[in-house]
Amino acid sequence: MGSFGIWHWLIVILVIGVLFGGKGKIANVMGDFAKGIKAFKSGMKEEEVAHNAPPAQVTSAPTAGGASTTADRTATDRT
């Protein structure tokens, strides 16, 4: 009890063969499931890399003395 014998391993191999092998629908479903897991893992890695990257610095350029802002132009366009 507690250890796997040859019959246990043969059954496990048979189940894996039925699920992943052959040309049946189960093989296609399991293959799609594996692709989904891979895509999820790669998405998590990309998110982790993006999360660890420093945020982009946004600086505003100083406006010249007579320059108008977008809000000023929008207000004058309405009148």
N, C-alpha and C. Protein backbone atom coordinates (compact mmCIF):
# COMPACT_ATOMS: atom_id res chain seq x y z
N MET A 1 0.82 -1.19 0.00
CA MET A 1 0.00 0.00 0.00
C MET A 1 0.87 1.25 0.00
N GLY A 2 0.47 2.25 -0.76
CA GLY A 2 1.22 3.50 -0.76
C GLY A 2 2.19 3.62 -1.91
N SER A 3 2.62 2.49 -2.50
CA SER A 3 3.51 2.59 -3.65
C SER A 3 2.78 2.09 -4.88
N PHE A 4 3.17 2.60 -6.01
CA PHE A 4 2.52 2.23 -7.26
C PHE A 4 3.20 1.00 -7.84
N GLY A 5 2.40 0.03 -8.21
CA GLY A 5 2.91 -1.16 -8.85
C GLY A 5 2.85 -1.00 -10.36
N ILE A 6 3.23 -2.06 -11.06
CA ILE A 6 3.27 -2.01 -12.52
C ILE A 6 1.88 -1.78 -13.10
N TRP A 7 0.85 -2.36 -12.49
CA TRP A 7 -0.51 -2.21 -13.01
C TRP A 7 -1.01 -0.77 -12.85
N HIS A 8 -0.64 -0.12 -11.78
CA HIS A 8 -1.02 1.28 -11.61
C HIS A 8 -0.41 2.15 -12.71
N TRP A 9 0.87 1.96 -12.98
CA TRP A 9 1.56 2.74 -14.00
C TRP A 9 1.01 2.45 -15.39
N LEU A 10 0.67 1.19 -15.67
CA LEU A 10 0.09 0.85 -16.96
C LEU A 10 -1.27 1.54 -17.15
N ILE A 11 -2.06 1.61 -16.11
CA ILE A 11 -3.36 2.28 -16.19
C ILE A 11 -3.17 3.78 -16.40
N VAL A 12 -2.21 4.36 -15.70
CA VAL A 12 -1.93 5.80 -15.86
C VAL A 12 -1.48 6.08 -17.29
N ILE A 13 -0.59 5.26 -17.82
CA ILE A 13 -0.11 5.44 -19.20
C ILE A 13 -1.24 5.26 -20.19
N LEU A 14 -2.12 4.30 -19.95
CA LEU A 14 -3.26 4.07 -20.82
C LEU A 14 -4.20 5.28 -20.84
N VAL A 15 -4.48 5.84 -19.66
CA VAL A 15 -5.36 7.02 -19.57
C VAL A 15 -4.73 8.21 -20.29
N ILE A 16 -3.44 8.43 -20.09
CA ILE A 16 -2.75 9.53 -20.76
C ILE A 16 -2.75 9.31 -22.27
N GLY A 17 -2.56 8.06 -22.69
CA GLY A 17 -2.59 7.75 -24.11
C GLY A 17 -3.95 8.02 -24.73
N VAL A 18 -5.02 7.69 -24.01
CA VAL A 18 -6.37 7.93 -24.51
C VAL A 18 -6.65 9.43 -24.58
N LEU A 19 -6.21 10.18 -23.58
CA LEU A 19 -6.50 11.61 -23.55
C LEU A 19 -5.68 12.39 -24.57
N PHE A 20 -4.40 12.09 -24.71
CA PHE A 20 -3.52 12.89 -25.56
C PHE A 20 -3.21 12.25 -26.91
N GLY A 21 -3.44 10.98 -27.06
CA GLY A 21 -3.05 10.29 -28.29
C GLY A 21 -4.22 10.10 -29.23
N GLY A 22 -3.90 9.56 -30.39
CA GLY A 22 -4.94 9.25 -31.35
C GLY A 22 -5.45 10.46 -32.09
N LYS A 23 -6.48 10.25 -32.88
CA LYS A 23 -7.06 11.33 -33.68
C LYS A 23 -8.46 11.68 -33.22
N GLY A 24 -8.81 11.30 -32.00
CA GLY A 24 -10.16 11.51 -31.52
C GLY A 24 -10.40 12.93 -31.01
N LYS A 25 -11.62 13.18 -30.66
CA LYS A 25 -12.00 14.50 -30.17
C LYS A 25 -11.34 14.80 -28.82
N ILE A 26 -11.16 13.77 -28.02
CA ILE A 26 -10.55 14.00 -26.70
C ILE A 26 -9.12 14.51 -26.87
N ALA A 27 -8.39 13.96 -27.84
CA ALA A 27 -7.02 14.42 -28.08
C ALA A 27 -7.02 15.89 -28.51
N ASN A 28 -7.97 16.26 -29.35
CA ASN A 28 -8.05 17.67 -29.79
C ASN A 28 -8.37 18.59 -28.62
N VAL A 29 -9.29 18.16 -27.77
CA VAL A 29 -9.68 18.98 -26.62
C VAL A 29 -8.50 19.14 -25.68
N MET A 30 -7.79 18.06 -25.40
CA MET A 30 -6.65 18.14 -24.49
C MET A 30 -5.51 18.97 -25.10
N GLY A 31 -5.34 18.87 -26.42
CA GLY A 31 -4.32 19.70 -27.08
C GLY A 31 -4.67 21.18 -27.00
N ASP A 32 -5.94 21.50 -27.20
CA ASP A 32 -6.38 22.89 -27.07
C ASP A 32 -6.24 23.38 -25.64
N PHE A 33 -6.51 22.50 -24.69
CA PHE A 33 -6.36 22.84 -23.28
C PHE A 33 -4.90 23.15 -22.95
N ALA A 34 -3.98 22.34 -23.49
CA ALA A 34 -2.55 22.57 -23.26
C ALA A 34 -2.11 23.90 -23.90
N LYS A 35 -2.63 24.21 -25.10
CA LYS A 35 -2.30 25.48 -25.74
C LYS A 35 -2.82 26.66 -24.92
N GLY A 36 -3.99 26.49 -24.34
CA GLY A 36 -4.55 27.54 -23.50
C GLY A 36 -3.71 27.80 -22.27
N ILE A 37 -3.22 26.72 -21.66
CA ILE A 37 -2.36 26.87 -20.48
C ILE A 37 -1.07 27.58 -20.87
N LYS A 38 -0.48 27.21 -22.00
CA LYS A 38 0.75 27.86 -22.45
C LYS A 38 0.53 29.35 -22.72
N ALA A 39 -0.60 29.67 -23.35
CA ALA A 39 -0.91 31.07 -23.62
C ALA A 39 -1.11 31.85 -22.33
N PHE A 40 -1.76 31.22 -21.36
CA PHE A 40 -1.97 31.88 -20.06
C PHE A 40 -0.64 32.14 -19.37
N LYS A 41 0.25 31.15 -19.38
CA LYS A 41 1.56 31.33 -18.74
C LYS A 41 2.37 32.42 -19.42
N SER A 42 2.35 32.46 -20.76
CA SER A 42 3.11 33.50 -21.45
C SER A 42 2.50 34.88 -21.19
N GLY A 43 1.18 34.95 -21.07
CA GLY A 43 0.53 36.21 -20.74
C GLY A 43 0.89 36.69 -19.35
N MET A 44 1.00 35.76 -18.42
CA MET A 44 1.39 36.13 -17.06
C MET A 44 2.83 36.62 -17.03
N LYS A 45 3.71 36.00 -17.83
CA LYS A 45 5.10 36.46 -17.89
C LYS A 45 5.19 37.86 -18.46
N GLU A 46 4.41 38.13 -19.53
CA GLU A 46 4.42 39.46 -20.14
C GLU A 46 3.91 40.51 -19.16
N GLU A 47 2.88 40.16 -18.41
CA GLU A 47 2.33 41.10 -17.43
C GLU A 47 3.34 41.37 -16.32
N GLU A 48 4.07 40.32 -15.92
CA GLU A 48 5.07 40.49 -14.87
C GLU A 48 6.20 41.39 -15.34
N VAL A 49 6.62 41.22 -16.58
CA VAL A 49 7.69 42.06 -17.14
C VAL A 49 7.21 43.51 -17.23
N ALA A 50 5.98 43.71 -17.69
CA ALA A 50 5.44 45.06 -17.81
C ALA A 50 5.25 45.69 -16.43
N HIS A 51 4.90 44.87 -15.45
CA HIS A 51 4.68 45.38 -14.10
C HIS A 51 6.01 45.80 -13.45
N ASN A 52 7.09 45.08 -13.76
CA ASN A 52 8.39 45.40 -13.17
C ASN A 52 9.09 46.54 -13.88
N ALA A 53 8.67 46.89 -15.07
CA ALA A 53 9.30 47.97 -15.82
C ALA A 53 8.94 49.31 -15.18
N PRO A 54 9.86 50.24 -15.17
CA PRO A 54 9.54 51.56 -14.60
C PRO A 54 8.52 52.28 -15.48
N PRO A 55 7.65 53.05 -14.88
CA PRO A 55 6.64 53.76 -15.68
C PRO A 55 7.29 54.85 -16.53
N ALA A 56 6.67 55.14 -17.63
CA ALA A 56 7.19 56.17 -18.53
C ALA A 56 6.99 57.54 -17.90
N GLN A 57 7.98 58.38 -18.04
CA GLN A 57 7.93 59.72 -17.48
C GLN A 57 7.27 60.65 -18.49
N VAL A 58 6.26 61.34 -18.07
CA VAL A 58 5.58 62.30 -18.94
C VAL A 58 5.94 63.69 -18.45
N THR A 59 6.53 64.46 -19.33
CA THR A 59 6.89 65.83 -18.97
C THR A 59 6.14 66.76 -19.90
N SER A 60 5.70 67.85 -19.36
CA SER A 60 5.00 68.82 -20.19
C SER A 60 5.97 69.93 -20.57
N ALA A 61 5.91 70.29 -21.82
CA ALA A 61 6.78 71.35 -22.30
C ALA A 61 6.19 72.69 -21.86
N PRO A 62 7.02 73.59 -21.38
CA PRO A 62 6.50 74.90 -20.97
C PRO A 62 5.96 75.65 -22.18
N THR A 63 4.84 76.31 -21.98
CA THR A 63 4.23 77.06 -23.08
C THR A 63 4.84 78.46 -23.13
N ALA A 64 4.89 78.99 -24.31
CA ALA A 64 5.41 80.35 -24.48
C ALA A 64 4.40 81.33 -23.91
N GLY A 65 4.80 82.55 -23.68
CA GLY A 65 3.94 83.55 -23.05
C GLY A 65 2.62 83.77 -23.76
N GLY A 66 2.58 83.78 -25.10
CA GLY A 66 1.36 84.06 -25.82
C GLY A 66 0.68 82.81 -26.36
N ALA A 67 1.21 81.67 -26.07
CA ALA A 67 0.63 80.43 -26.62
C ALA A 67 -0.65 80.09 -25.90
N SER A 68 -1.61 79.57 -26.64
CA SER A 68 -2.88 79.19 -26.03
C SER A 68 -2.90 77.68 -25.80
N THR A 69 -3.66 77.29 -24.84
CA THR A 69 -3.78 75.87 -24.53
C THR A 69 -4.91 75.27 -25.33
N THR A 70 -5.06 73.98 -25.30
CA THR A 70 -6.13 73.30 -26.02
C THR A 70 -7.48 73.75 -25.51
N ALA A 71 -7.60 73.93 -24.20
CA ALA A 71 -8.87 74.38 -23.64
C ALA A 71 -9.23 75.77 -24.13
N ASP A 72 -8.22 76.66 -24.28
CA ASP A 72 -8.48 78.00 -24.79
C ASP A 72 -8.94 77.94 -26.24
N ARG A 73 -8.31 77.10 -27.05
CA ARG A 73 -8.68 76.98 -28.44
C ARG A 73 -10.09 76.40 -28.58
N THR A 74 -10.43 75.43 -27.74
CA THR A 74 -11.75 74.82 -27.79
C THR A 74 -12.82 75.86 -27.42
N ALA A 75 -12.54 76.67 -26.43
CA ALA A 75 -13.50 77.69 -26.00
C ALA A 75 -13.71 78.72 -27.11
N THR A 76 -12.65 79.10 -27.82
CA THR A 76 -12.80 80.11 -28.87
C THR A 76 -13.45 79.51 -30.11
N ASP A 77 -13.28 78.19 -30.32
CA ASP A 77 -13.91 77.54 -31.47
C ASP A 77 -15.44 77.49 -31.31
N ARG A 78 -15.92 77.45 -30.10
CA ARG A 78 -17.34 77.34 -29.85
C ARG A 78 -18.05 78.69 -30.05
N THR A 79 -17.34 79.78 -29.91
CA THR A 79 -17.99 81.10 -30.01
C THR A 79 -17.96 81.64 -31.40
